[in-house]
């Protein structure tokens, strides 16, 4: 009785035959949306960390985390002294 199948097996195979491609297509669409969302979140985080994308309204306010700007009166350090 190799060819005999129960009613559940036939119903399950029919379900997989019709629903399988739809489930797989849905999975890949969700994966594409999740990848785009992850890229957007990563870009927002990088922009936040680097300070990119700040508007002109915040350009005149100093960043409390950034190091203070060096005054123009200080002489720049010569790097050639330390390079062999």
C-alpha atoms as a PDB file:
ATOM      1  CA  UNK A   1       0.000   0.000   0.000  1.00  0.00           C
ATOM      2  CA  UNK A   2       2.581   2.505  -1.048  1.00  0.00           C
ATOM      3  CA  UNK A   3       0.170   4.659  -3.059  1.00  0.00           C
ATOM      4  CA  UNK A   4      -2.590   4.932  -0.471  1.00  0.00           C
ATOM      5  CA  UNK A   5      -2.772   8.247   1.362  1.00  0.00           C
ATOM      6  CA  UNK A   6      -5.024   9.363   4.148  1.00  0.00           C
ATOM      7  CA  UNK A   7      -7.373  12.319   3.846  1.00  0.00           C
ATOM      8  CA  UNK A   8      -5.155  14.503   6.018  1.00  0.00           C
ATOM      9  CA  UNK A   9      -2.101  13.882   3.828  1.00  0.00           C
ATOM     10  CA  UNK A  10      -4.003  14.807   0.686  1.00  0.00           C
ATOM     11  CA  UNK A  11      -5.452  17.933   2.308  1.00  0.00           C
ATOM     12  CA  UNK A  12      -2.045  18.976   3.658  1.00  0.00           C
ATOM     13  CA  UNK A  13      -0.362  18.480   0.273  1.00  0.00           C
ATOM     14  CA  UNK A  14      -3.079  20.542  -1.392  1.00  0.00           C
ATOM     15  CA  UNK A  15      -2.673  23.285   1.216  1.00  0.00           C
ATOM     16  CA  UNK A  16       1.109  23.366   0.717  1.00  0.00           C
ATOM     17  CA  UNK A  17       0.652  23.363  -3.064  1.00  0.00           C
ATOM     18  CA  UNK A  18      -1.514  26.494  -2.970  1.00  0.00           C
ATOM     19  CA  UNK A  19      -0.340  28.308   0.153  1.00  0.00           C
ATOM     20  CA  UNK A  20       3.389  27.514  -0.126  1.00  0.00           C
ATOM     21  CA  UNK A  21       4.211  30.015  -2.899  1.00  0.00           C
ATOM     22  CA  UNK A  22       2.077  32.709  -1.258  1.00  0.00           C
ATOM     23  CA  UNK A  23       3.808  32.181   2.083  1.00  0.00           C
ATOM     24  CA  UNK A  24       7.221  32.233   0.412  1.00  0.00           C
ATOM     25  CA  UNK A  25       6.407  35.438  -1.485  1.00  0.00           C
ATOM     26  CA  UNK A  26       5.166  37.064   1.712  1.00  0.00           C
ATOM     27  CA  UNK A  27       8.362  36.002   3.499  1.00  0.00           C
ATOM     28  CA  UNK A  28      10.597  37.590   0.888  1.00  0.00           C
ATOM     29  CA  UNK A  29       8.555  40.797   0.796  1.00  0.00           C
ATOM     30  CA  UNK A  30       8.850  41.056   4.585  1.00  0.00           C
ATOM     31  CA  UNK A  31      12.604  40.440   4.320  1.00  0.00           C
ATOM     32  CA  UNK A  32      12.960  43.274   1.773  1.00  0.00           C
ATOM     33  CA  UNK A  33      10.987  45.676   3.978  1.00  0.00           C
ATOM     34  CA  UNK A  34      13.007  44.647   7.057  1.00  0.00           C
ATOM     35  CA  UNK A  35      16.301  45.165   5.192  1.00  0.00           C
ATOM     36  CA  UNK A  36      15.257  48.631   4.008  1.00  0.00           C
ATOM     37  CA  UNK A  37      14.122  49.532   7.522  1.00  0.00           C
ATOM     38  CA  UNK A  38      17.453  48.356   8.967  1.00  0.00           C
ATOM     39  CA  UNK A  39      19.377  50.445   6.420  1.00  0.00           C
ATOM     40  CA  UNK A  40      17.267  53.492   7.263  1.00  0.00           C
ATOM     41  CA  UNK A  41      17.806  53.030  11.006  1.00  0.00           C
ATOM     42  CA  UNK A  42      21.555  52.554  10.498  1.00  0.00           C
ATOM     43  CA  UNK A  43      21.767  55.678   8.327  1.00  0.00           C
ATOM     44  CA  UNK A  44      19.884  57.696  10.961  1.00  0.00           C
ATOM     45  CA  UNK A  45      22.264  56.411  13.655  1.00  0.00           C
ATOM     46  CA  UNK A  46      25.353  57.240  11.577  1.00  0.00           C
ATOM     47  CA  UNK A  47      23.997  60.716  10.821  1.00  0.00           C
ATOM     48  CA  UNK A  48      23.342  61.229  14.527  1.00  0.00           C
ATOM     49  CA  UNK A  49      26.830  60.058  15.510  1.00  0.00           C
ATOM     50  CA  UNK A  50      28.596  62.134  12.860  1.00  0.00           C
ATOM     51  CA  UNK A  51      26.393  65.208  13.185  1.00  0.00           C
ATOM     52  CA  UNK A  52      25.508  65.100   9.493  1.00  0.00           C
ATOM     53  CA  UNK A  53      22.250  66.611   8.379  1.00  0.00           C
ATOM     54  CA  UNK A  54      22.065  69.309  11.030  1.00  0.00           C
ATOM     55  CA  UNK A  55      20.242  72.369   9.825  1.00  0.00           C
ATOM     56  CA  UNK A  56      21.344  75.988   9.882  1.00  0.00           C
ATOM     57  CA  UNK A  57      19.299  76.639  13.016  1.00  0.00           C
ATOM     58  CA  UNK A  58      21.652  74.448  15.076  1.00  0.00           C
ATOM     59  CA  UNK A  59      24.849  75.539  13.360  1.00  0.00           C
ATOM     60  CA  UNK A  60      25.446  78.437  15.781  1.00  0.00           C
ATOM     61  CA  UNK A  61      24.827  76.419  18.942  1.00  0.00           C
ATOM     62  CA  UNK A  62      27.894  74.518  20.132  1.00  0.00           C
ATOM     63  CA  UNK A  63      27.749  70.753  20.461  1.00  0.00           C
ATOM     64  CA  UNK A  64      28.217  69.830  24.146  1.00  0.00           C
ATOM     65  CA  UNK A  65      29.872  66.529  23.209  1.00  0.00           C
ATOM     66  CA  UNK A  66      32.262  67.869  20.568  1.00  0.00           C
ATOM     67  CA  UNK A  67      35.672  69.126  21.683  1.00  0.00           C
ATOM     68  CA  UNK A  68      36.050  72.868  21.934  1.00  0.00           C
ATOM     69  CA  UNK A  69      37.458  74.623  18.892  1.00  0.00           C
ATOM     70  CA  UNK A  70      41.077  75.661  19.181  1.00  0.00           C
ATOM     71  CA  UNK A  71      41.670  79.398  19.184  1.00  0.00           C
ATOM     72  CA  UNK A  72      43.290  80.855  16.093  1.00  0.00           C
ATOM     73  CA  UNK A  73      46.186  82.211  18.176  1.00  0.00           C
ATOM     74  CA  UNK A  74      47.558  78.721  18.914  1.00  0.00           C
ATOM     75  CA  UNK A  75      50.283  77.487  16.607  1.00  0.00           C
ATOM     76  CA  UNK A  76      49.512  74.138  14.902  1.00  0.00           C
ATOM     77  CA  UNK A  77      51.676  71.184  15.941  1.00  0.00           C
ATOM     78  CA  UNK A  78      54.308  70.091  13.456  1.00  0.00           C
ATOM     79  CA  UNK A  79      53.889  66.402  12.681  1.00  0.00           C
ATOM     80  CA  UNK A  80      57.311  66.024  11.056  1.00  0.00           C
ATOM     81  CA  UNK A  81      58.961  66.143  14.485  1.00  0.00           C
ATOM     82  CA  UNK A  82      57.374  62.847  15.452  1.00  0.00           C
ATOM     83  CA  UNK A  83      57.722  60.996  12.143  1.00  0.00           C
ATOM     84  CA  UNK A  84      60.906  59.066  11.467  1.00  0.00           C
END
